[in-house]
Amino acid sequence: MPFDDRHDLAYLDFTMAGCVMTYLKNSGVASPGHTDVLRDCRPKLRAAVALLARSAEYREGLRVFHGLLAMAELILADEA
């Protein structure tokens, strides 16, 4: 996996963790800024899942990023 992909995955993981933690700390309410971040990250998360699905070597990463995508979808649906 190229360095840029690993960097992007780390950024997505870190960014999503902040959004999800804020959502949970606020009793299921995302701040407007976090909602925007989740919308911006959603296509990148989909691309990450597709990238990780290409190789069995990244099975654990695929599981993690699939979960992040599911959380983003759930939070955005809850905020709609």
C-alpha atoms as a PDB file:
ATOM      1  CA  MET A   1       0.000   0.000   0.000  1.00  0.00           C
ATOM      2  CA  PRO A   2       1.520   3.364  -0.997  1.00  0.00           C
ATOM      3  CA  PHE A   3       2.480   5.792   1.757  1.00  0.00           C
ATOM      4  CA  ASP A   4      -0.215   8.302   0.759  1.00  0.00           C
ATOM      5  CA  ASP A   5      -2.927   5.683   1.203  1.00  0.00           C
ATOM      6  CA  ARG A   6      -1.700   4.824   4.707  1.00  0.00           C
ATOM      7  CA  HIS A   7      -1.582   8.531   5.573  1.00  0.00           C
ATOM      8  CA  ASP A   8      -5.132   9.018   4.282  1.00  0.00           C
ATOM      9  CA  LEU A   9      -6.359   6.001   6.255  1.00  0.00           C
ATOM     10  CA  ALA A  10      -4.774   7.310   9.455  1.00  0.00           C
ATOM     11  CA  TYR A  11      -6.355  10.723   8.883  1.00  0.00           C
ATOM     12  CA  LEU A  12      -9.792   9.186   8.293  1.00  0.00           C
ATOM     13  CA  ASP A  13      -9.480   7.000  11.385  1.00  0.00           C
ATOM     14  CA  PHE A  14      -8.449   9.952  13.573  1.00  0.00           C
ATOM     15  CA  THR A  15     -11.088  12.285  12.134  1.00  0.00           C
ATOM     16  CA  MET A  16     -13.891   9.770  12.464  1.00  0.00           C
ATOM     17  CA  ALA A  17     -12.909   8.948  16.045  1.00  0.00           C
ATOM     18  CA  GLY A  18     -13.301  12.615  16.977  1.00  0.00           C
ATOM     19  CA  CYS A  19     -16.691  12.912  15.294  1.00  0.00           C
ATOM     20  CA  VAL A  20     -18.037   9.702  16.840  1.00  0.00           C
ATOM     21  CA  MET A  21     -16.729  10.569  20.313  1.00  0.00           C
ATOM     22  CA  THR A  22     -18.337  14.005  20.153  1.00  0.00           C
ATOM     23  CA  TYR A  23     -21.608  12.491  18.973  1.00  0.00           C
ATOM     24  CA  LEU A  24     -21.591  10.024  21.868  1.00  0.00           C
ATOM     25  CA  LYS A  25     -20.557  12.630  24.461  1.00  0.00           C
ATOM     26  CA  ASN A  26     -23.387  14.890  23.272  1.00  0.00           C
ATOM     27  CA  SER A  27     -25.949  12.136  23.849  1.00  0.00           C
ATOM     28  CA  GLY A  28     -26.405  11.409  20.167  1.00  0.00           C
ATOM     29  CA  VAL A  29     -26.186  14.913  18.766  1.00  0.00           C
ATOM     30  CA  ALA A  30     -23.496  15.782  16.230  1.00  0.00           C
ATOM     31  CA  SER A  31     -22.274  19.340  16.023  1.00  0.00           C
ATOM     32  CA  PRO A  32     -22.880  21.034  12.653  1.00  0.00           C
ATOM     33  CA  GLY A  33     -19.155  21.028  11.917  1.00  0.00           C
ATOM     34  CA  HIS A  34     -18.885  17.316  12.597  1.00  0.00           C
ATOM     35  CA  THR A  35     -21.854  16.595  10.358  1.00  0.00           C
ATOM     36  CA  ASP A  36     -20.063  18.413   7.536  1.00  0.00           C
ATOM     37  CA  VAL A  37     -16.879  16.439   8.220  1.00  0.00           C
ATOM     38  CA  LEU A  38     -18.807  13.158   8.137  1.00  0.00           C
ATOM     39  CA  ARG A  39     -20.402  14.111   4.807  1.00  0.00           C
ATOM     40  CA  ASP A  40     -16.977  15.023   3.413  1.00  0.00           C
ATOM     41  CA  CYS A  41     -15.376  11.815   4.727  1.00  0.00           C
ATOM     42  CA  ARG A  42     -18.088   9.443   3.541  1.00  0.00           C
ATOM     43  CA  PRO A  43     -16.797   9.123  -0.064  1.00  0.00           C
ATOM     44  CA  LYS A  44     -13.247   8.737   1.264  1.00  0.00           C
ATOM     45  CA  LEU A  45     -14.408   6.008   3.647  1.00  0.00           C
ATOM     46  CA  ARG A  46     -16.129   4.212   0.772  1.00  0.00           C
ATOM     47  CA  ALA A  47     -12.919   4.426  -1.246  1.00  0.00           C
ATOM     48  CA  ALA A  48     -10.901   3.133   1.734  1.00  0.00           C
ATOM     49  CA  VAL A  49     -13.217   0.138   2.108  1.00  0.00           C
ATOM     50  CA  ALA A  50     -12.855  -0.613  -1.621  1.00  0.00           C
ATOM     51  CA  LEU A  51      -9.065  -0.270  -1.404  1.00  0.00           C
ATOM     52  CA  LEU A  52      -8.755  -2.519   1.639  1.00  0.00           C
ATOM     53  CA  ALA A  53     -11.112  -5.113   0.151  1.00  0.00           C
ATOM     54  CA  ARG A  54      -8.603  -5.755  -2.645  1.00  0.00           C
ATOM     55  CA  SER A  55      -6.313  -7.801  -0.425  1.00  0.00           C
ATOM     56  CA  ALA A  56      -6.825 -10.385   2.318  1.00  0.00           C
ATOM     57  CA  GLU A  57      -3.720  -8.889   3.951  1.00  0.00           C
ATOM     58  CA  TYR A  58      -5.805  -5.900   5.057  1.00  0.00           C
ATOM     59  CA  ARG A  59      -8.761  -7.869   6.441  1.00  0.00           C
ATOM     60  CA  GLU A  60      -8.578  -6.226   9.891  1.00  0.00           C
ATOM     61  CA  GLY A  61      -8.312  -2.762   8.344  1.00  0.00           C
ATOM     62  CA  LEU A  62     -11.285  -3.555   6.130  1.00  0.00           C
ATOM     63  CA  ARG A  63     -13.319  -4.495   9.211  1.00  0.00           C
ATOM     64  CA  VAL A  64     -12.350  -1.257  10.974  1.00  0.00           C
ATOM     65  CA  PHE A  65     -13.059   1.031   8.026  1.00  0.00           C
ATOM     66  CA  HIS A  66     -16.282  -0.742   7.180  1.00  0.00           C
ATOM     67  CA  GLY A  67     -17.337  -0.023  10.782  1.00  0.00           C
ATOM     68  CA  LEU A  68     -16.306   3.625  10.464  1.00  0.00           C
ATOM     69  CA  LEU A  69     -18.382   3.936   7.308  1.00  0.00           C
ATOM     70  CA  ALA A  70     -21.363   2.338   9.057  1.00  0.00           C
ATOM     71  CA  MET A  71     -21.022   4.779  11.976  1.00  0.00           C
ATOM     72  CA  ALA A  72     -20.841   7.747   9.624  1.00  0.00           C
ATOM     73  CA  GLU A  73     -23.955   6.544   7.808  1.00  0.00           C
ATOM     74  CA  LEU A  74     -25.850   6.039  11.074  1.00  0.00           C
ATOM     75  CA  ILE A  75     -24.907   9.435  12.495  1.00  0.00           C
ATOM     76  CA  LEU A  76     -25.779  11.228   9.266  1.00  0.00           C
ATOM     77  CA  ALA A  77     -29.116   9.398   9.060  1.00  0.00           C
ATOM     78  CA  ASP A  78     -29.841  10.333  12.666  1.00  0.00           C
ATOM     79  CA  GLU A  79     -29.117  13.993  11.950  1.00  0.00           C
ATOM     80  CA  ALA A  80     -31.309  14.116   8.835  1.00  0.00           C
END
